[in-house]
Protein backbone atom coordinates (compact mmCIF):
# COMPACT_ATOMS: atom_id res chain seq x y z
CA MET A 1 0.69 18.36 52.31
CA THR A 2 -0.35 21.69 53.77
CA ARG A 3 -2.18 24.17 51.60
CA PHE A 4 0.87 26.51 51.65
CA ALA A 5 3.23 23.73 50.56
CA PHE A 6 0.86 22.76 47.74
CA VAL A 7 0.62 26.37 46.50
CA ALA A 8 4.41 26.76 46.72
CA ALA A 9 4.97 23.51 44.80
CA ALA A 10 2.45 24.52 42.12
CA ALA A 11 4.09 27.95 41.75
CA ALA A 12 7.52 26.35 41.38
CA LEU A 13 6.18 23.99 38.72
CA PHE A 14 4.85 26.86 36.62
CA ALA A 15 8.06 28.87 37.14
CA LEU A 16 10.21 26.26 35.36
CA PRO A 17 12.04 27.84 32.45
CA ALA A 18 10.53 27.31 29.02
CA ALA A 19 13.99 26.17 27.86
CA ALA A 20 12.91 22.69 28.91
CA ASP A 21 10.58 22.78 25.87
CA ILE A 22 13.42 23.60 23.42
CA THR A 23 15.81 20.90 22.23
CA ILE A 24 18.73 21.38 19.82
CA ASN A 25 19.28 18.45 17.45
CA ASP A 26 22.01 17.53 14.97
CA ALA A 27 23.96 20.79 15.36
CA TYR A 28 27.14 21.38 13.42
CA ALA A 29 29.28 24.33 12.31
CA ARG A 30 31.46 24.75 9.27
CA VAL A 31 33.65 27.12 7.29
CA ALA A 32 34.10 27.20 3.52
CA SER A 33 37.90 26.92 3.71
CA PRO A 34 40.71 26.82 6.28
CA MET A 35 41.40 30.54 5.69
CA ALA A 36 37.74 31.63 5.88
CA GLN A 37 36.88 34.70 7.95
CA SER A 38 33.29 33.57 8.41
CA GLY A 39 31.45 30.39 9.27
CA ALA A 40 27.97 29.18 10.06
CA ALA A 41 26.07 26.84 12.37
CA PHE A 42 23.13 24.64 11.45
CA MET A 43 20.73 22.63 13.61
CA GLY A 44 17.20 21.54 14.28
CA ILE A 45 15.40 23.53 16.99
CA GLN A 46 12.59 21.41 18.41
CA ASN A 47 9.83 23.05 20.43
CA SER A 48 7.94 20.41 22.40
CA GLY A 49 6.01 23.10 24.30
CA ALA A 50 2.43 24.24 23.89
CA GLU A 51 3.38 27.79 22.81
CA ASP A 52 5.31 29.15 19.87
CA ASP A 53 8.77 30.56 20.57
CA ARG A 54 11.27 32.52 18.53
CA LEU A 55 15.06 32.37 18.25
CA VAL A 56 15.89 36.08 18.47
CA ALA A 57 19.69 36.13 18.77
CA ALA A 58 22.86 34.09 19.09
CA ARG A 59 26.19 34.92 20.75
CA SER A 60 29.64 33.37 20.65
CA ASP A 61 33.19 34.47 21.32
CA VAL A 62 34.31 32.60 18.18
CA ALA A 63 33.55 35.67 16.03
CA GLN A 64 33.40 39.44 16.15
CA ARG A 65 29.73 39.32 15.08
CA VAL A 66 27.13 36.59 15.31
CA GLU A 67 23.84 37.04 13.46
CA LEU A 68 20.79 35.07 12.37
CA HIS A 69 20.82 34.84 8.56
CA THR A 70 18.83 33.54 5.62
CA HIS A 71 19.12 33.54 1.83
CA ILE A 72 16.85 35.53 -0.46
CA ALA A 73 16.73 35.43 -4.26
CA ASP A 74 17.69 38.67 -6.00
CA GLY A 75 17.49 37.85 -9.69
CA ASP A 76 20.12 35.19 -10.38
CA VAL A 77 21.98 35.95 -7.14
CA MET A 78 21.20 34.50 -3.72
CA ARG A 79 21.85 37.14 -1.06
CA MET A 80 22.61 36.20 2.51
CA VAL A 81 20.93 38.71 4.84
CA GLU A 82 20.42 39.18 8.56
CA VAL A 83 16.98 38.27 9.91
CA GLU A 84 16.61 40.80 12.72
CA GLU A 85 13.24 39.47 13.88
CA GLY A 86 14.70 35.98 14.31
CA PHE A 87 13.17 32.62 13.46
CA GLU A 88 9.81 31.36 14.67
CA VAL A 89 9.87 27.94 16.33
CA PRO A 90 6.23 26.76 16.31
CA ALA A 91 4.84 24.77 19.22
CA GLY A 92 5.11 21.04 18.65
CA ASP A 93 7.37 21.51 15.63
CA THR A 94 11.03 21.70 14.60
CA HIS A 95 12.55 24.69 12.82
CA MET A 96 15.56 23.70 10.74
CA LEU A 97 18.62 25.92 10.41
CA GLU A 98 20.26 24.43 7.34
CA ARG A 99 22.65 25.21 4.53
CA GLY A 100 20.96 27.25 1.84
CA GLY A 101 18.37 28.52 4.34
CA HIS A 102 18.22 29.91 7.86
CA HIS A 103 21.45 29.65 9.87
CA VAL A 104 23.61 31.24 12.57
CA MET A 105 26.37 33.28 10.89
CA PHE A 106 29.81 33.85 12.46
CA MET A 107 31.52 36.90 10.92
CA GLY A 108 35.08 37.97 11.59
CA LEU A 109 36.26 34.69 13.11
CA ASN A 110 38.56 35.15 16.09
CA ARG A 111 40.25 31.80 15.38
CA LYS A 112 40.48 29.25 12.62
CA LEU A 113 37.92 26.46 12.75
CA ALA A 114 39.14 22.97 11.92
CA HIS A 115 37.23 19.71 11.60
CA GLY A 116 36.54 18.36 15.09
CA ASP A 117 36.78 21.72 16.88
CA GLU A 118 33.89 22.86 19.06
CA VAL A 119 32.14 26.23 19.16
CA ALA A 120 30.30 27.44 22.27
CA VAL A 121 27.15 29.35 21.30
CA THR A 122 24.41 30.96 23.37
CA LEU A 123 21.03 30.84 21.65
CA VAL A 124 18.54 33.45 22.86
CA PHE A 125 14.83 32.64 22.66
CA GLU A 126 11.98 35.07 23.13
CA ASN A 127 10.22 32.84 25.70
CA ALA A 128 12.68 30.10 26.65
CA GLY A 129 15.49 32.56 27.38
CA GLU A 130 19.15 31.67 26.88
CA MET A 131 20.45 28.22 26.04
CA ASP A 132 24.15 27.38 25.89
CA VAL A 133 25.14 24.78 23.31
CA VAL A 134 28.48 23.35 22.18
CA ILE A 135 28.50 22.79 18.43
CA PRO A 136 31.04 20.52 16.71
CA VAL A 137 32.78 21.72 13.56
CA ASP A 138 32.07 19.24 10.77
CA LEU A 139 33.82 20.06 7.50
CA GLU A 140 32.99 16.72 5.90
CA ARG A 141 29.23 17.08 5.92
CA ASN A 142 27.65 17.86 2.55
CA ASP A 143 23.91 18.28 3.08
CA VAL A 144 23.18 21.43 1.07
CA THR A 145 19.46 22.19 0.86
CA GLY A 146 17.48 24.81 -0.95
CA GLU A 147 16.96 25.49 -4.64
CA MET A 148 20.08 27.38 -5.64
CA GLY A 149 21.24 25.32 -8.61
CA GLY A 150 23.97 27.25 -10.40
CA MET A 151 23.08 30.59 -8.84
CA LYS A 152 25.76 32.81 -7.42
CA MET A 153 25.85 33.42 -3.68
CA GLU A 154 26.36 36.92 -2.30
CA HIS A 155 27.16 37.44 1.36
CA ASP A 156 26.51 40.90 2.79
CA HIS A 157 28.55 41.10 5.99
CA GLY A 158 28.61 44.84 6.38
CA ASN A 159 31.94 46.50 7.06
CA MET A 160 34.16 43.49 7.64
CA GLY A 161 37.08 44.96 5.75
CA GLY A 162 37.25 45.41 2.02
CA ASP A 163 33.91 46.02 0.35
CA GLY A 164 32.06 43.64 2.69
CA ASP A 165 30.48 41.63 -0.14
CA MET A 166 31.72 38.19 -1.02
CA LYS A 167 30.43 36.45 -4.12
CA MET A 168 31.02 32.80 -4.69
CA ASP A 169 29.76 30.15 -7.03
CA HIS A 170 27.31 28.02 -5.06
CA GLY A 171 29.01 24.94 -6.47
CA HIS A 172 31.53 25.38 -3.67
CA LYS A 173 30.77 24.21 -0.17
CA HIS A 174 29.36 26.92 2.09
């Protein structure tokens, strides 16, 4: 191999997108009811790379707005809020987006989501760039995590019509 070919091959190797280090596992989306105007997606984001990354945004044509969300305790109410800085995905680790915790929020659904449907989502990472994933809608799954007990859930979705806040007993599926 000539010196030029070796240098070119080495440069190409290091130019590979970091997305090869990010793997999406066990993704699913759901809505609380057939008439819901919002939904969410959950998944494991595995970073097999040597450097930390960060999920900074998500996009989908399934909803008018797509945001990264989490729950925070506010007295006896759990508030769902946008996480503008995104979610860190440490090197060699998996960051879970799960019910009762971090998740991708779909607000102002453009269509109804039924069990078995699929949702195309673009995940945007700080280092790995964009990754397109197809997420199945699974309305039968019941793997709620987090310590919410009998707390009430409050969703702050901004100006989505009405007062924008939706309160629901966490005993219902989210």
